[in-house]
């Protein structure tokens, strides 16, 4: 161990080296926030149940289903979601702006021109409104035949669970302060080709949003795996390792100096893991080093393709008999995505993870920008960065190159550079985070383009 990592009990005996305590092994986000503790237990299982039951009652929410009926189809479901956002906004004095961005699309699974519409509630930030944290879930559902727009497709878990969680997030965060803008987006067209995610990513670009993260929640309400595993304490967070928008020149730098496991999306996943460890000891975040499940996709992908950080949140153990299936029973097995497959306590815990992540990010400063590093042929490592608005100080992080989480950190004050004495650049990965005066901390930023949170066009 380096000398600056001595245990505090020893450091106190050596007054000359009393500063050693500041460099001990420590959690990446140690500040205790009472409001995050409150939010971690705030989601209401009854609210989540009512939302899913209502969405299931529309029969099918297939993207190509009826848009004019008041009781059945994607149109009726969209109108209800919009009314729910309006009710939440009314309760907070009109704090939500509700928009319905749309595009008319055709494709392999949409043979005729069809309007794909998202329903989006926006809570503007009080201090940094162009910086945006997004939570998404998709409204549309399907059965075994992806083109069947008429049969009942309850879609209770895929993905009424994600929609219920984000509506609950909007309800709980509507009356709380947020420096950055919060966006709660119910998307359509996911099952037909991730169209709703593209609609929203395009809208974000047109609005000039600086998207810090998209938390895409898709299939988050089941705790009973098809393989018989019962687990209501694990949630998976998928994140890409290298940026989807990486250029060949950037790839050359990354291949040589590292960054394959430190995209901004990956550091959002680390951020969520650290928050869960601190505020939700009954929920284990399992980081998955993939953009999505093998051979599958979700609405976070269009965000990644637009250059925005994004992760996918999904239950720990899936049951494929309840996904993309006609509602039926065969050989004693019940198929179909019905509400009796939802574990509402588990769904409430996953919703809480999203809520504390959004709240923490929105109250923290933006991640530092233009983070760079130097220290070749030296025994010290130097980190430089550009200060960001709202930061009262900064924190440097480092970890072994094979460690999944940040292992060491040091508060360095309100500065724009720091020298880590006797920490050799060759042996570690590094990051820098920004901290507000009241202790809210941004995700850590890996040096260089590989780790930058800025969209490519903004760099």
Protein backbone atom coordinates (compact mmCIF):
# COMPACT_ATOMS: atom_id res chain seq x y z
CA UNK A 1 0.00 0.00 0.00
CA UNK A 2 1.27 3.56 -0.68
CA UNK A 3 2.19 5.51 2.40
CA UNK A 4 -0.76 7.92 2.01
CA UNK A 5 -3.18 5.00 2.45
CA UNK A 6 -2.11 4.28 6.06
CA UNK A 7 -5.01 3.53 8.43
CA UNK A 8 -6.17 6.61 10.34
CA UNK A 9 -5.34 4.99 13.69
CA UNK A 10 -1.69 4.94 12.67
CA UNK A 11 -1.82 8.36 11.04
CA UNK A 12 -3.06 9.92 14.26
CA UNK A 13 0.06 8.64 16.00
CA UNK A 14 2.22 10.39 13.45
CA UNK A 15 1.15 14.00 13.51
CA UNK A 16 3.55 14.88 10.77
CA UNK A 17 1.53 12.68 8.41
CA UNK A 18 -1.92 13.51 9.72
CA UNK A 19 -3.10 14.26 6.19
CA UNK A 20 -2.98 10.52 5.44
CA UNK A 21 -6.56 10.05 6.61
CA UNK A 22 -7.78 11.98 3.59
CA UNK A 23 -6.43 9.37 1.20
CA UNK A 24 -7.71 6.23 2.86
CA UNK A 25 -9.78 3.70 0.96
CA UNK A 26 -13.27 5.19 0.93
CA UNK A 27 -16.62 4.98 -0.86
CA UNK A 28 -16.78 7.19 -3.92
CA UNK A 29 -19.81 9.11 -2.63
CA UNK A 30 -19.59 9.28 1.18
CA UNK A 31 -21.81 12.28 1.92
CA UNK A 32 -24.98 11.31 3.74
CA UNK A 33 -28.04 13.06 2.36
CA UNK A 34 -31.18 12.79 4.45
CA UNK A 35 -33.42 13.44 1.47
CA UNK A 36 -31.91 10.54 -0.49
CA UNK A 37 -32.53 8.26 2.48
CA UNK A 38 -36.17 9.42 2.47
CA UNK A 39 -36.54 8.94 -1.28
CA UNK A 40 -35.04 5.45 -1.08
CA UNK A 41 -38.14 4.24 0.78
CA UNK A 42 -40.72 6.59 -0.76
CA UNK A 43 -42.13 4.69 -3.79
CA UNK A 44 -45.69 3.54 -3.18
CA UNK A 45 -46.51 -0.03 -4.21
CA UNK A 46 -50.20 0.87 -4.53
CA UNK A 47 -49.41 3.68 -6.97
CA UNK A 48 -47.26 1.33 -9.04
CA UNK A 49 -50.01 -1.31 -9.05
CA UNK A 50 -52.67 1.19 -10.13
CA UNK A 51 -50.56 2.42 -13.03
CA UNK A 52 -49.84 -1.07 -14.35
CA UNK A 53 -53.45 -2.19 -13.88
CA UNK A 54 -54.65 0.83 -15.85
CA UNK A 55 -52.18 0.26 -18.68
CA UNK A 56 -53.10 -3.43 -18.89
CA UNK A 57 -56.79 -2.46 -19.09
CA UNK A 58 -56.25 -0.90 -22.53
CA UNK A 59 -56.03 -4.43 -23.96
CA UNK A 60 -53.15 -3.85 -26.34
CA UNK A 61 -50.71 -0.98 -26.59
CA UNK A 62 -49.13 -2.15 -29.82
CA UNK A 63 -47.62 0.73 -31.79
CA UNK A 64 -49.87 -0.11 -34.76
CA UNK A 65 -53.02 -0.46 -32.64
CA UNK A 66 -56.02 1.88 -32.47
CA UNK A 67 -55.22 5.53 -31.82
CA UNK A 68 -58.79 6.87 -31.67
CA UNK A 69 -60.59 4.62 -29.18
CA UNK A 70 -60.87 6.09 -25.66
CA UNK A 71 -60.60 2.65 -24.06
CA UNK A 72 -58.37 0.41 -26.17
CA UNK A 73 -55.04 0.73 -27.95
CA UNK A 74 -51.93 2.88 -27.94
CA UNK A 75 -53.88 6.12 -28.36
CA UNK A 76 -55.97 5.59 -25.24
CA UNK A 77 -52.85 4.65 -23.28
CA UNK A 78 -51.01 7.78 -24.42
CA UNK A 79 -53.95 10.00 -23.43
CA UNK A 80 -54.06 8.40 -19.98
CA UNK A 81 -50.31 8.87 -19.42
CA UNK A 82 -50.63 12.50 -20.45
CA UNK A 83 -53.51 12.99 -18.01
CA UNK A 84 -51.46 11.40 -15.24
CA UNK A 85 -48.58 13.81 -15.85
CA UNK A 86 -51.08 16.70 -15.89
CA UNK A 87 -52.44 15.63 -12.50
CA UNK A 88 -48.93 15.47 -11.02
CA UNK A 89 -48.18 18.90 -12.46
CA UNK A 90 -51.39 20.31 -10.99
CA UNK A 91 -50.34 19.07 -7.55
CA UNK A 92 -46.99 20.89 -7.79
CA UNK A 93 -48.41 24.17 -9.10
CA UNK A 94 -47.74 23.52 -12.78
CA UNK A 95 -44.11 22.48 -12.33
CA UNK A 96 -44.16 20.05 -15.26
CA UNK A 97 -44.11 20.95 -18.93
CA UNK A 98 -45.72 18.17 -20.98
CA UNK A 99 -44.73 17.68 -24.61
CA UNK A 100 -45.52 14.98 -27.17
CA UNK A 101 -42.69 14.82 -29.72
CA UNK A 102 -43.44 12.54 -32.65
CA UNK A 103 -42.21 11.34 -36.02
CA UNK A 104 -43.94 9.53 -38.86
CA UNK A 105 -41.91 6.43 -39.67
CA UNK A 106 -41.89 3.32 -41.81
CA UNK A 107 -39.69 0.26 -41.45
CA UNK A 108 -39.49 -3.51 -41.43
CA UNK A 109 -41.99 -3.72 -38.56
CA UNK A 110 -43.95 -0.59 -39.56
CA UNK A 111 -44.99 -1.23 -43.17
CA UNK A 112 -47.20 1.86 -43.53
CA UNK A 113 -46.36 5.42 -42.44
CA UNK A 114 -47.24 5.60 -38.75
CA UNK A 115 -46.93 8.37 -36.19
CA UNK A 116 -44.74 7.33 -33.26
CA UNK A 117 -45.44 9.66 -30.35
CA UNK A 118 -43.74 9.98 -26.97
CA UNK A 119 -45.35 11.53 -23.89
CA UNK A 120 -42.77 13.53 -21.96
CA UNK A 121 -42.93 15.48 -18.68
CA UNK A 122 -40.16 18.04 -18.13
CA UNK A 123 -39.26 19.58 -14.77
CA UNK A 124 -36.92 22.45 -15.51
CA UNK A 125 -33.80 22.86 -13.41
CA UNK A 126 -33.50 25.81 -11.06
CA UNK A 127 -29.80 26.43 -11.70
CA UNK A 128 -28.58 24.56 -14.76
CA UNK A 129 -31.67 23.94 -16.91
CA UNK A 130 -29.88 22.86 -20.11
CA UNK A 131 -28.25 19.96 -18.25
CA UNK A 132 -30.74 17.11 -18.40
CA UNK A 133 -31.21 13.76 -16.66
CA UNK A 134 -33.69 11.51 -18.46
CA UNK A 135 -35.66 8.48 -17.29
CA UNK A 136 -37.37 6.41 -19.97
CA UNK A 137 -39.70 3.43 -20.29
CA UNK A 138 -41.72 2.26 -23.28
CA UNK A 139 -45.49 2.24 -23.49
CA UNK A 140 -46.02 -0.15 -26.40
CA UNK A 141 -46.58 -3.88 -25.98
CA UNK A 142 -46.68 -6.98 -28.19
CA UNK A 143 -47.55 -10.68 -28.38
CA UNK A 144 -45.75 -13.55 -30.11
CA UNK A 145 -46.30 -12.10 -33.59
CA UNK A 146 -44.67 -8.68 -33.52
CA UNK A 147 -47.05 -7.50 -36.27
CA UNK A 148 -50.22 -8.52 -34.39
CA UNK A 149 -51.78 -5.21 -33.37
CA UNK A 150 -55.21 -6.50 -32.32
CA UNK A 151 -54.80 -9.38 -29.83
CA UNK A 152 -54.57 -8.62 -26.13
CA UNK A 153 -50.99 -7.71 -25.21
CA UNK A 154 -51.04 -6.78 -21.49
CA UNK A 155 -47.36 -5.80 -21.35
CA UNK A 156 -47.45 -5.64 -17.57
CA UNK A 157 -43.71 -6.11 -17.13
CA UNK A 158 -42.57 -5.22 -20.67
CA UNK A 159 -42.85 -2.40 -20.16
CA UNK A 160 -45.69 -1.08 -18.03
CA UNK A 161 -43.29 -1.70 -15.12
CA UNK A 162 -40.83 0.87 -16.49
CA UNK A 163 -43.63 3.35 -17.20
CA UNK A 164 -45.04 2.91 -13.69
CA UNK A 165 -41.61 3.52 -12.17
CA UNK A 166 -41.01 6.73 -14.09
CA UNK A 167 -44.50 8.08 -13.34
CA UNK A 168 -43.82 7.38 -9.66
CA UNK A 169 -40.45 9.11 -10.03
CA UNK A 170 -42.20 12.15 -11.48
CA UNK A 171 -44.70 12.18 -8.61
CA UNK A 172 -42.02 11.97 -5.92
CA UNK A 173 -39.56 14.42 -7.48
CA UNK A 174 -42.05 17.01 -8.71
CA UNK A 175 -42.07 19.02 -5.49
CA UNK A 176 -38.34 18.78 -4.79
CA UNK A 177 -35.66 21.15 -5.97
CA UNK A 178 -33.48 20.12 -8.89
CA UNK A 179 -30.62 22.23 -10.29
CA UNK A 180 -30.56 20.25 -13.52
CA UNK A 181 -33.65 19.48 -15.59
CA UNK A 182 -35.44 16.18 -15.04
CA UNK A 183 -37.21 14.46 -17.94
CA UNK A 184 -39.71 11.61 -17.52
CA UNK A 185 -40.35 10.10 -20.93
CA UNK A 186 -42.90 7.45 -21.90
CA UNK A 187 -41.86 6.17 -25.32
CA UNK A 188 -43.63 4.32 -28.12
CA UNK A 189 -42.40 2.14 -30.97
CA UNK A 190 -39.78 0.22 -28.99
CA UNK A 191 -40.96 -3.23 -30.01
CA UNK A 192 -41.14 -2.18 -33.66
CA UNK A 193 -37.55 -0.91 -33.82
CA UNK A 194 -36.57 1.47 -30.98
CA UNK A 195 -38.34 4.35 -32.71
CA UNK A 196 -39.52 6.13 -29.57
CA UNK A 197 -35.96 6.36 -28.24
CA UNK A 198 -34.85 7.97 -31.50
CA UNK A 199 -37.76 10.42 -31.40
CA UNK A 200 -36.68 11.58 -27.95
CA UNK A 201 -32.94 11.64 -28.74
CA UNK A 202 -33.67 13.78 -31.81
CA UNK A 203 -35.88 16.04 -29.70
CA UNK A 204 -33.08 16.40 -27.15
CA UNK A 205 -30.65 17.49 -29.86
CA UNK A 206 -33.14 19.96 -31.32
CA UNK A 207 -33.67 21.47 -27.86
CA UNK A 208 -29.95 21.72 -27.19
CA UNK A 209 -30.17 19.51 -24.12
CA UNK A 210 -26.90 18.52 -22.46
CA UNK A 211 -27.98 15.01 -21.55
CA UNK A 212 -25.97 13.77 -18.59
CA UNK A 213 -27.69 10.38 -18.51
CA UNK A 214 -30.63 8.42 -19.83
CA UNK A 215 -31.83 5.80 -17.35
CA UNK A 216 -33.81 3.42 -19.54
CA UNK A 217 -36.03 1.11 -17.50
CA UNK A 218 -37.30 -1.89 -19.40
CA UNK A 219 -38.61 -5.08 -17.74
CA UNK A 220 -38.01 -4.19 -14.08
CA UNK A 221 -40.91 -5.74 -12.14
CA UNK A 222 -40.35 -9.50 -11.94
CA UNK A 223 -38.33 -11.27 -9.24
CA UNK A 224 -39.01 -14.89 -10.33
CA UNK A 225 -36.60 -16.14 -12.99
CA UNK A 226 -37.66 -18.72 -15.55
CA UNK A 227 -34.89 -20.94 -14.17
CA UNK A 228 -36.60 -21.05 -10.77
CA UNK A 229 -34.43 -18.44 -9.06
CA UNK A 230 -36.33 -16.16 -6.67
CA UNK A 231 -34.38 -12.93 -6.17
CA UNK A 232 -35.91 -9.62 -5.14
CA UNK A 233 -32.60 -8.02 -4.17
CA UNK A 234 -30.69 -7.81 -7.49
CA UNK A 235 -31.10 -5.45 -10.42
CA UNK A 236 -28.90 -5.35 -13.51
CA UNK A 237 -27.54 -2.14 -15.00
CA UNK A 238 -26.16 -2.53 -18.52
CA UNK A 239 -23.70 0.02 -19.91
CA UNK A 240 -21.49 0.32 -22.97
CA UNK A 241 -17.73 0.17 -22.48
CA UNK A 242 -16.59 2.44 -25.30
CA UNK A 243 -18.61 5.31 -26.69
CA UNK A 244 -20.83 4.53 -29.65
CA UNK A 245 -19.77 7.81 -31.29
CA UNK A 246 -16.03 7.20 -30.91
CA UNK A 247 -13.96 8.27 -33.94
CA UNK A 248 -11.07 6.19 -35.35
CA UNK A 249 -8.61 8.75 -33.97
CA UNK A 250 -10.16 8.54 -30.50
CA UNK A 251 -10.08 4.75 -30.70
CA UNK A 252 -6.33 4.79 -31.30
CA UNK A 253 -5.79 6.87 -28.16
CA UNK A 254 -8.11 4.69 -26.09
CA UNK A 255 -6.53 1.45 -27.32
CA UNK A 256 -3.16 2.64 -26.08
CA UNK A 257 -3.97 4.56 -22.90
CA UNK A 258 -7.14 2.83 -21.69
CA UNK A 259 -10.76 3.80 -21.30
CA UNK A 260 -12.46 0.64 -22.60
CA UNK A 261 -14.37 0.30 -19.34
CA UNK A 262 -14.77 4.00 -18.53
CA UNK A 263 -17.28 5.49 -20.92
CA UNK A 264 -19.58 8.06 -19.30
CA UNK A 265 -22.34 5.45 -19.42
CA UNK A 266 -20.17 3.01 -17.48
CA UNK A 267 -19.45 5.68 -14.87
CA UNK A 268 -23.18 6.38 -14.57
CA UNK A 269 -23.56 2.67 -13.75
CA UNK A 270 -20.81 2.99 -11.12
CA UNK A 271 -22.59 6.03 -9.71
CA UNK A 272 -25.85 4.08 -9.38
CA UNK A 273 -24.01 1.20 -7.72
CA UNK A 274 -22.38 3.50 -5.17
CA UNK A 275 -25.71 5.16 -4.35
CA UNK A 276 -27.39 1.79 -3.86
CA UNK A 277 -24.58 0.64 -1.57
CA UNK A 278 -25.04 3.76 0.53
CA UNK A 279 -28.79 4.25 0.57
CA UNK A 280 -30.32 0.89 -0.38
CA UNK A 281 -28.46 -1.93 1.38
CA UNK A 282 -31.26 -4.36 0.48
CA UNK A 283 -30.70 -3.88 -3.28
CA UNK A 284 -27.63 -5.12 -5.12
CA UNK A 285 -26.80 -3.40 -8.41
CA UNK A 286 -25.11 -5.88 -10.70
CA UNK A 287 -23.13 -3.97 -13.30
CA UNK A 288 -23.15 -5.75 -16.67
CA UNK A 289 -20.36 -4.80 -19.07
CA UNK A 290 -22.63 -4.84 -22.15
CA UNK A 291 -24.83 -2.26 -23.84
CA UNK A 292 -27.80 -4.62 -23.45
CA UNK A 293 -28.64 -8.28 -23.07
CA UNK A 294 -27.02 -10.53 -25.64
CA UNK A 295 -28.54 -10.02 -29.09
CA UNK A 296 -31.25 -7.69 -27.75
CA UNK A 297 -31.79 -3.94 -27.51
CA UNK A 298 -33.62 -1.11 -25.83
CA UNK A 299 -34.39 2.58 -26.10
CA UNK A 300 -31.06 3.55 -24.54
CA UNK A 301 -29.40 2.59 -27.85
CA UNK A 302 -30.64 5.64 -29.84
CA UNK A 303 -29.35 7.86 -27.02
CA UNK A 304 -25.94 6.22 -27.23
CA UNK A 305 -25.96 6.61 -31.01
CA UNK A 306 -26.65 10.32 -30.51
CA UNK A 307 -23.61 10.58 -28.23
CA UNK A 308 -25.48 10.75 -24.92
CA UNK A 309 -24.60 8.63 -21.85
CA UNK A 310 -27.25 5.98 -21.25
CA UNK A 311 -27.80 2.75 -19.32
CA UNK A 312 -30.41 0.03 -19.30
CA UNK A 313 -31.98 -1.01 -15.99
CA UNK A 314 -33.48 -4.53 -16.00
CA UNK A 315 -34.55 -7.10 -13.42
CA UNK A 316 -31.93 -9.56 -12.22
CA UNK A 317 -33.60 -12.74 -13.54
CA UNK A 318 -35.97 -12.71 -16.50
CA UNK A 319 -38.82 -15.11 -17.28
CA UNK A 320 -39.06 -15.41 -21.06
CA UNK A 321 -42.43 -17.18 -20.89
CA UNK A 322 -43.82 -13.76 -19.87
CA UNK A 323 -42.17 -11.77 -22.67
CA UNK A 324 -43.40 -11.38 -26.27
CA UNK A 325 -45.94 -14.15 -25.79
CA UNK A 326 -49.62 -14.71 -26.59
CA UNK A 327 -51.60 -15.06 -23.36
CA UNK A 328 -52.23 -18.80 -23.10
CA UNK A 329 -51.52 -21.99 -21.16
CA UNK A 330 -49.70 -24.92 -22.75
CA UNK A 331 -48.48 -28.12 -21.05
CA UNK A 332 -49.06 -26.60 -17.64
CA UNK A 333 -47.06 -23.43 -18.39
CA UNK A 334 -48.77 -20.04 -18.32
CA UNK A 335 -47.54 -17.69 -21.02
CA UNK A 336 -48.14 -13.98 -21.35
CA UNK A 337 -47.09 -10.74 -19.69
CA UNK A 338 -49.85 -10.37 -17.12
CA UNK A 339 -49.99 -8.34 -13.92
CA UNK A 340 -49.78 -11.39 -11.67
CA UNK A 341 -46.13 -11.67 -12.72
CA UNK A 342 -45.20 -8.39 -11.03
CA UNK A 343 -43.51 -8.28 -7.62
CA UNK A 344 -44.54 -4.80 -6.50
CA UNK A 345 -42.15 -4.57 -3.58
CA UNK A 346 -39.27 -5.37 -5.92
CA UNK A 347 -40.54 -2.86 -8.49
CA UNK A 348 -40.68 -0.20 -5.77
CA UNK A 349 -37.02 -0.84 -4.91
CA UNK A 350 -35.93 -0.55 -8.53
CA UNK A 351 -37.98 2.64 -8.88
CA UNK A 352 -36.24 4.01 -5.79
CA UNK A 353 -32.82 3.35 -7.33
CA UNK A 354 -33.77 5.50 -10.30
CA UNK A 355 -35.26 8.19 -8.10
CA UNK A 356 -32.22 8.64 -5.87
CA UNK A 357 -29.97 8.61 -8.93
CA UNK A 358 -31.96 11.35 -10.63
CA UNK A 359 -32.20 13.39 -7.44
CA UNK A 360 -28.49 13.10 -6.70
CA UNK A 361 -27.39 13.94 -10.24
CA UNK A 362 -29.80 16.85 -10.51
CA UNK A 363 -28.60 18.45 -7.27
CA UNK A 364 -24.91 17.87 -7.95
CA UNK A 365 -22.85 20.03 -10.29
CA UNK A 366 -22.23 18.85 -13.83
CA UNK A 367 -19.36 16.39 -14.25
CA UNK A 368 -16.03 18.16 -14.79
CA UNK A 369 -15.05 18.89 -18.39
CA UNK A 370 -11.78 18.71 -20.31
CA UNK A 371 -10.31 16.27 -17.82
CA UNK A 372 -6.73 15.36 -18.74
CA UNK A 373 -3.90 13.43 -17.15
CA UNK A 374 -0.11 13.33 -17.26
CA UNK A 375 2.70 11.54 -15.48
CA UNK A 376 4.69 9.46 -17.95
CA UNK A 377 8.16 8.50 -16.64
CA UNK A 378 7.30 9.98 -13.24
CA UNK A 379 6.37 8.80 -9.78
CA UNK A 380 3.46 11.28 -9.47
CA UNK A 381 0.23 11.60 -11.47
CA UNK A 382 -1.24 15.00 -12.38
CA UNK A 383 -4.91 15.54 -13.18
CA UNK A 384 -6.25 18.72 -14.78
CA UNK A 385 -9.83 19.77 -15.49
CA UNK A 386 -12.01 22.77 -16.20
CA UNK A 387 -14.19 23.98 -13.35
CA UNK A 388 -17.97 23.69 -13.69
CA UNK A 389 -20.79 25.90 -12.44
CA UNK A 390 -22.13 25.07 -9.00
CA UNK A 391 -19.09 23.12 -7.82
CA UNK A 392 -17.65 24.01 -4.42
CA UNK A 393 -14.87 21.47 -4.76
CA UNK A 394 -13.61 18.42 -6.59
CA UNK A 395 -12.63 14.88 -5.81
CA UNK A 396 -10.09 12.67 -7.53
CA UNK A 397 -10.62 8.92 -7.72
CA UNK A 398 -8.41 6.03 -8.64
CA UNK A 399 -8.65 2.26 -8.81
CA UNK A 400 -6.70 -0.75 -9.91
CA UNK A 401 -7.05 -1.31 -13.66
CA UNK A 402 -8.96 -4.56 -13.08
CA UNK A 403 -11.25 -3.23 -10.31
CA UNK A 404 -14.91 -2.62 -11.25
CA UNK A 405 -15.46 0.21 -8.74
CA UNK A 406 -13.44 3.23 -7.61
CA UNK A 407 -11.28 2.12 -4.69
CA UNK A 408 -9.55 5.31 -3.50
CA UNK A 409 -10.53 8.95 -3.48
CA UNK A 410 -9.39 12.29 -2.14
CA UNK A 411 -11.17 15.62 -1.67
CA UNK A 412 -8.90 18.22 -3.27
CA UNK A 413 -10.82 21.47 -2.79
CA UNK A 414 -11.88 24.14 -5.25
CA UNK A 415 -8.98 23.71 -7.68
CA UNK A 416 -8.59 22.81 -11.35
CA UNK A 417 -5.65 20.43 -11.03
CA UNK A 418 -4.10 18.07 -8.53
CA UNK A 419 -0.92 16.06 -8.15
CA UNK A 420 -1.23 12.61 -6.62
CA UNK A 421 2.16 12.09 -5.04
CA UNK A 422 3.71 8.66 -5.41
CA UNK A 423 0.76 7.31 -7.43
CA UNK A 424 2.26 6.01 -10.66
CA UNK A 425 0.09 6.68 -13.71
CA UNK A 426 0.93 3.30 -15.27
CA UNK A 427 -0.77 1.26 -12.54
CA UNK A 428 -4.19 2.87 -12.02
CA UNK A 429 -7.28 4.28 -13.70
CA UNK A 430 -8.31 7.78 -12.64
CA UNK A 431 -11.36 10.03 -12.52
CA UNK A 432 -12.52 13.42 -11.27
CA UNK A 433 -15.92 14.40 -9.87
CA UNK A 434 -17.47 17.74 -8.91
CA UNK A 435 -19.05 18.35 -5.48
CA UNK A 436 -21.64 20.94 -4.47
CA UNK A 437 -21.46 22.99 -1.29
CA UNK A 438 -24.10 20.73 0.30
CA UNK A 439 -22.23 17.56 -0.61
CA UNK A 440 -23.95 16.25 -3.74
CA UNK A 441 -21.42 14.71 -6.11
CA UNK A 442 -21.38 14.18 -9.87
CA UNK A 443 -20.33 10.94 -11.56
CA UNK A 444 -16.59 10.59 -11.97
CA UNK A 445 -15.08 11.49 -15.34
CA UNK A 446 -12.30 9.40 -16.89
CA UNK A 447 -9.67 11.60 -18.58
CA UNK A 448 -9.90 12.28 -22.31
CA UNK A 449 -12.56 11.74 -24.96
CA UNK A 450 -13.19 8.17 -23.81
CA UNK A 451 -14.71 9.38 -20.54
CA UNK A 452 -16.15 12.78 -21.47
CA UNK A 453 -19.83 13.38 -20.66
CA UNK A 454 -20.09 16.03 -23.36
CA UNK A 455 -21.85 14.99 -26.57
CA UNK A 456 -19.39 14.89 -29.51
CA UNK A 457 -20.84 18.00 -31.16
CA UNK A 458 -20.36 19.95 -27.93
CA UNK A 459 -16.68 19.07 -27.45
